[in-house]
C-alpha atoms as a PDB file:
ATOM      1  CA  MET A   1     -33.451 -83.396 -52.435  1.00  0.00           C
ATOM      2  CA  PRO A   2     -35.490 -83.734 -49.222  1.00  0.00           C
ATOM      3  CA  ALA A   3     -36.308 -87.218 -47.982  1.00  0.00           C
ATOM      4  CA  MET A   4     -39.658 -88.536 -49.146  1.00  0.00           C
ATOM      5  CA  ILE A   5     -41.926 -91.084 -47.520  1.00  0.00           C
ATOM      6  CA  PHE A   6     -44.236 -93.508 -49.314  1.00  0.00           C
ATOM      7  CA  VAL A   7     -46.651 -95.269 -46.971  1.00  0.00           C
ATOM      8  CA  ASN A   8     -47.808 -98.470 -48.685  1.00  0.00           C
ATOM      9  CA  LEU A   9     -51.275 -99.551 -47.570  1.00  0.00           C
ATOM     10  CA  PRO A  10     -53.240-102.615 -48.679  1.00  0.00           C
ATOM     11  CA  VAL A  11     -56.801-101.720 -49.676  1.00  0.00           C
ATOM     12  CA  ARG A  12     -59.813-103.815 -50.632  1.00  0.00           C
ATOM     13  CA  ASP A  13     -61.546-101.311 -52.943  1.00  0.00           C
ATOM     14  CA  LEU A  14     -59.125 -99.025 -54.781  1.00  0.00           C
ATOM     15  CA  PRO A  15     -61.727 -96.673 -56.350  1.00  0.00           C
ATOM     16  CA  ALA A  16     -63.463 -96.229 -52.965  1.00  0.00           C
ATOM     17  CA  THR A  17     -60.096 -95.546 -51.306  1.00  0.00           C
ATOM     18  CA  MET A  18     -59.247 -92.948 -53.944  1.00  0.00           C
ATOM     19  CA  ALA A  19     -62.623 -91.251 -53.404  1.00  0.00           C
ATOM     20  CA  TYR A  20     -62.103 -91.300 -49.622  1.00  0.00           C
ATOM     21  CA  TYR A  21     -58.723 -89.554 -49.774  1.00  0.00           C
ATOM     22  CA  LYS A  22     -60.010 -87.098 -52.397  1.00  0.00           C
ATOM     23  CA  ALA A  23     -62.776 -86.160 -49.930  1.00  0.00           C
ATOM     24  CA  LEU A  24     -60.014 -85.298 -47.449  1.00  0.00           C
ATOM     25  CA  GLY A  25     -58.467 -82.932 -49.991  1.00  0.00           C
ATOM     26  CA  PHE A  26     -55.731 -85.206 -51.371  1.00  0.00           C
ATOM     27  CA  ASP A  27     -55.337 -85.824 -55.093  1.00  0.00           C
ATOM     28  CA  HIS A  28     -53.604 -88.739 -56.759  1.00  0.00           C
ATOM     29  CA  ASN A  29     -50.645 -88.743 -59.131  1.00  0.00           C
ATOM     30  CA  PRO A  30     -51.848 -90.369 -62.372  1.00  0.00           C
ATOM     31  CA  GLN A  31     -48.252 -91.247 -63.333  1.00  0.00           C
ATOM     32  CA  PHE A  32     -48.204 -93.845 -60.553  1.00  0.00           C
ATOM     33  CA  THR A  33     -51.854 -94.879 -60.589  1.00  0.00           C
ATOM     34  CA  ASP A  34     -53.453 -97.790 -62.393  1.00  0.00           C
ATOM     35  CA  GLU A  35     -56.059-100.467 -61.633  1.00  0.00           C
ATOM     36  CA  THR A  36     -53.793-102.015 -58.957  1.00  0.00           C
ATOM     37  CA  ALA A  37     -52.343 -98.955 -57.209  1.00  0.00           C
ATOM     38  CA  ALA A  38     -52.931 -95.271 -56.568  1.00  0.00           C
ATOM     39  CA  SER A  39     -50.360 -92.718 -55.506  1.00  0.00           C
ATOM     40  CA  ILE A  40     -52.192 -90.393 -53.114  1.00  0.00           C
ATOM     41  CA  VAL A  41     -50.354 -87.078 -52.762  1.00  0.00           C
ATOM     42  CA  ILE A  42     -50.341 -85.806 -49.177  1.00  0.00           C
ATOM     43  CA  SER A  43     -47.582 -83.220 -49.751  1.00  0.00           C
ATOM     44  CA  ASP A  44     -44.483 -82.697 -51.873  1.00  0.00           C
ATOM     45  CA  THR A  45     -42.686 -85.304 -49.774  1.00  0.00           C
ATOM     46  CA  ILE A  46     -45.444 -87.551 -48.374  1.00  0.00           C
ATOM     47  CA  PHE A  47     -47.402 -90.089 -50.415  1.00  0.00           C
ATOM     48  CA  VAL A  48     -49.762 -92.961 -49.686  1.00  0.00           C
ATOM     49  CA  MET A  49     -49.469 -95.848 -52.096  1.00  0.00           C
ATOM     50  CA  ALA A  50     -52.869 -97.504 -51.927  1.00  0.00           C
ATOM     51  CA  LEU A  51     -52.303-101.022 -53.252  1.00  0.00           C
ATOM     52  CA  THR A  52     -54.810-103.746 -54.010  1.00  0.00           C
ATOM     53  CA  TYR A  53     -54.167-106.875 -51.960  1.00  0.00           C
ATOM     54  CA  ASP A  54     -52.705-108.680 -54.985  1.00  0.00           C
ATOM     55  CA  LYS A  55     -50.346-105.785 -55.668  1.00  0.00           C
ATOM     56  CA  PHE A  56     -49.377-105.480 -51.985  1.00  0.00           C
ATOM     57  CA  ARG A  57     -48.484-109.184 -51.913  1.00  0.00           C
ATOM     58  CA  GLN A  58     -45.842-108.498 -54.606  1.00  0.00           C
ATOM     59  CA  PHE A  59     -43.889-106.537 -51.970  1.00  0.00           C
ATOM     60  CA  SER A  60     -44.356-108.754 -48.916  1.00  0.00           C
ATOM     61  CA  SER A  61     -44.930-112.461 -48.396  1.00  0.00           C
ATOM     62  CA  ASN A  62     -46.212-111.840 -44.846  1.00  0.00           C
ATOM     63  CA  PRO A  63     -49.947-112.149 -44.234  1.00  0.00           C
ATOM     64  CA  ILE A  64     -51.883-108.902 -44.599  1.00  0.00           C
ATOM     65  CA  PRO A  65     -53.410-108.105 -41.200  1.00  0.00           C
ATOM     66  CA  ASP A  66     -57.003-106.948 -40.906  1.00  0.00           C
ATOM     67  CA  ALA A  67     -56.529-103.319 -39.822  1.00  0.00           C
ATOM     68  CA  HIS A  68     -60.102-103.318 -38.482  1.00  0.00           C
ATOM     69  CA  SER A  69     -59.059-105.726 -35.727  1.00  0.00           C
ATOM     70  CA  GLN A  70     -55.251-105.479 -35.577  1.00  0.00           C
ATOM     71  CA  THR A  71     -52.924-102.487 -35.371  1.00  0.00           C
ATOM     72  CA  GLY A  72     -49.717-102.733 -37.348  1.00  0.00           C
ATOM     73  CA  ALA A  73     -48.993 -99.010 -37.371  1.00  0.00           C
ATOM     74  CA  LEU A  74     -50.492 -95.609 -36.641  1.00  0.00           C
ATOM     75  CA  TYR A  75     -49.954 -92.830 -39.160  1.00  0.00           C
ATOM     76  CA  ALA A  76     -49.645 -89.336 -37.677  1.00  0.00           C
ATOM     77  CA  LEU A  77     -50.046 -86.299 -39.912  1.00  0.00           C
ATOM     78  CA  THR A  78     -49.660 -82.693 -38.785  1.00  0.00           C
ATOM     79  CA  ARG A  79     -52.191 -79.990 -39.516  1.00  0.00           C
ATOM     80  CA  ASP A  80     -51.627 -76.235 -39.247  1.00  0.00           C
ATOM     81  CA  SER A  81     -54.204 -75.622 -36.494  1.00  0.00           C
ATOM     82  CA  ARG A  82     -56.732 -77.288 -34.215  1.00  0.00           C
ATOM     83  CA  ALA A  83     -59.443 -76.159 -36.626  1.00  0.00           C
ATOM     84  CA  ASP A  84     -57.585 -77.927 -39.450  1.00  0.00           C
ATOM     85  CA  VAL A  85     -57.449 -81.104 -37.352  1.00  0.00           C
ATOM     86  CA  ASP A  86     -61.202 -80.947 -36.843  1.00  0.00           C
ATOM     87  CA  ALA A  87     -61.825 -80.131 -40.518  1.00  0.00           C
ATOM     88  CA  ILE A  88     -59.909 -83.141 -41.856  1.00  0.00           C
ATOM     89  CA  ALA A  89     -61.358 -85.432 -39.181  1.00  0.00           C
ATOM     90  CA  GLU A  90     -64.897 -84.344 -40.031  1.00  0.00           C
ATOM     91  CA  ALA A  91     -64.206 -84.782 -43.763  1.00  0.00           C
ATOM     92  CA  ALA A  92     -62.863 -88.280 -43.053  1.00  0.00           C
ATOM     93  CA  LEU A  93     -65.939 -89.203 -41.015  1.00  0.00           C
ATOM     94  CA  LYS A  94     -68.241 -87.866 -43.718  1.00  0.00           C
ATOM     95  CA  ALA A  95     -66.350 -89.939 -46.331  1.00  0.00           C
ATOM     96  CA  GLY A  96     -66.838 -93.161 -44.345  1.00  0.00           C
ATOM     97  CA  GLY A  97     -64.017 -93.099 -41.800  1.00  0.00           C
ATOM     98  CA  ARG A  98     -64.485 -94.072 -38.151  1.00  0.00           C
ATOM     99  CA  GLU A  99     -63.219 -92.199 -35.084  1.00  0.00           C
ATOM    100  CA  THR A 100     -61.206 -94.661 -32.994  1.00  0.00           C
ATOM    101  CA  ARG A 101     -60.977 -92.613 -29.800  1.00  0.00           C
ATOM    102  CA  GLU A 102     -62.091 -89.289 -28.428  1.00  0.00           C
ATOM    103  CA  ALA A 103     -60.118 -86.184 -29.382  1.00  0.00           C
ATOM    104  CA  GLN A 104     -57.051 -85.654 -27.186  1.00  0.00           C
ATOM    105  CA  ASP A 105     -56.226 -82.183 -25.935  1.00  0.00           C
ATOM    106  CA  LEU A 106     -52.914 -82.026 -24.098  1.00  0.00           C
ATOM    107  CA  GLY A 107     -52.766 -78.241 -24.182  1.00  0.00           C
ATOM    108  CA  PHE A 108     -49.704 -78.075 -26.409  1.00  0.00           C
ATOM    109  CA  MET A 109     -51.031 -80.807 -28.718  1.00  0.00           C
ATOM    110  CA  TYR A 110     -54.483 -81.594 -30.057  1.00  0.00           C
ATOM    111  CA  SER A 111     -55.274 -84.765 -32.026  1.00  0.00           C
ATOM    112  CA  ARG A 112     -58.006 -86.936 -33.451  1.00  0.00           C
ATOM    113  CA  ALA A 113     -57.666 -90.528 -34.656  1.00  0.00           C
ATOM    114  CA  ILE A 114     -59.684 -91.697 -37.656  1.00  0.00           C
ATOM    115  CA  ALA A 115     -59.656 -95.130 -39.282  1.00  0.00           C
ATOM    116  CA  ASP A 116     -59.954 -95.059 -43.072  1.00  0.00           C
ATOM    117  CA  LEU A 117     -62.170 -97.437 -45.049  1.00  0.00           C
ATOM    118  CA  ASP A 118     -59.733-100.336 -44.535  1.00  0.00           C
ATOM    119  CA  GLY A 119     -59.173 -99.630 -40.833  1.00  0.00           C
ATOM    120  CA  HIS A 120     -55.783 -97.903 -41.167  1.00  0.00           C
ATOM    121  CA  VAL A 121     -55.661 -95.331 -38.363  1.00  0.00           C
ATOM    122  CA  TRP A 122     -54.551 -91.786 -39.163  1.00  0.00           C
ATOM    123  CA  GLU A 123     -53.844 -89.472 -36.249  1.00  0.00           C
ATOM    124  CA  TYR A 124     -54.307 -85.879 -37.355  1.00  0.00           C
ATOM    125  CA  PHE A 125     -52.677 -83.491 -34.929  1.00  0.00           C
ATOM    126  CA  HIS A 126     -51.574 -79.943 -34.292  1.00  0.00           C
ATOM    127  CA  MET A 127     -48.693 -79.214 -31.934  1.00  0.00           C
ATOM    128  CA  ASP A 128     -47.714 -75.786 -30.671  1.00  0.00           C
ATOM    129  CA  MET A 129     -43.982 -76.202 -30.068  1.00  0.00           C
ATOM    130  CA  SER A 130     -43.856 -73.014 -27.972  1.00  0.00           C
ATOM    131  CA  GLU A 131     -46.197 -74.697 -25.473  1.00  0.00           C
ATOM    132  CA  VAL A 132     -44.388 -78.052 -25.176  1.00  0.00           C
ATOM    133  CA  PRO A 133     -43.415 -78.629 -21.535  1.00  0.00           C
ATOM    134  CA  PRO A 134     -39.656 -78.658 -20.917  1.00  0.00           C
ATOM    135  CA  GLY A 135     -38.254 -82.171 -21.105  1.00  0.00           C
END
């Protein structure tokens, strides 16, 4: 079985978060979704667990940082092309996301950074491995 990743994110408004990620083309798994949590399916091996603050606090006693003003992590997600990067970024902006910096074009890699409704920053990127400079 391939390794799976579940990114657990605290969210203030679970229905709005579910609508936001649906607008980006991601469905949720109803088996792991209730009024306190939603399992957002990114791929067969990548999931976002959107958790209400009360639910999130069941997993960590640390304070929940305000992602609008503090950065605890950046989440990078590949796309198949530059056009796909732009498409998901534009969908995110239309759904209420906020671009946190200008698009970066390094030649071999193109990316855009969008904060979701709760301020969690997703970096959508495409990398052409055949163009990566020798290290």
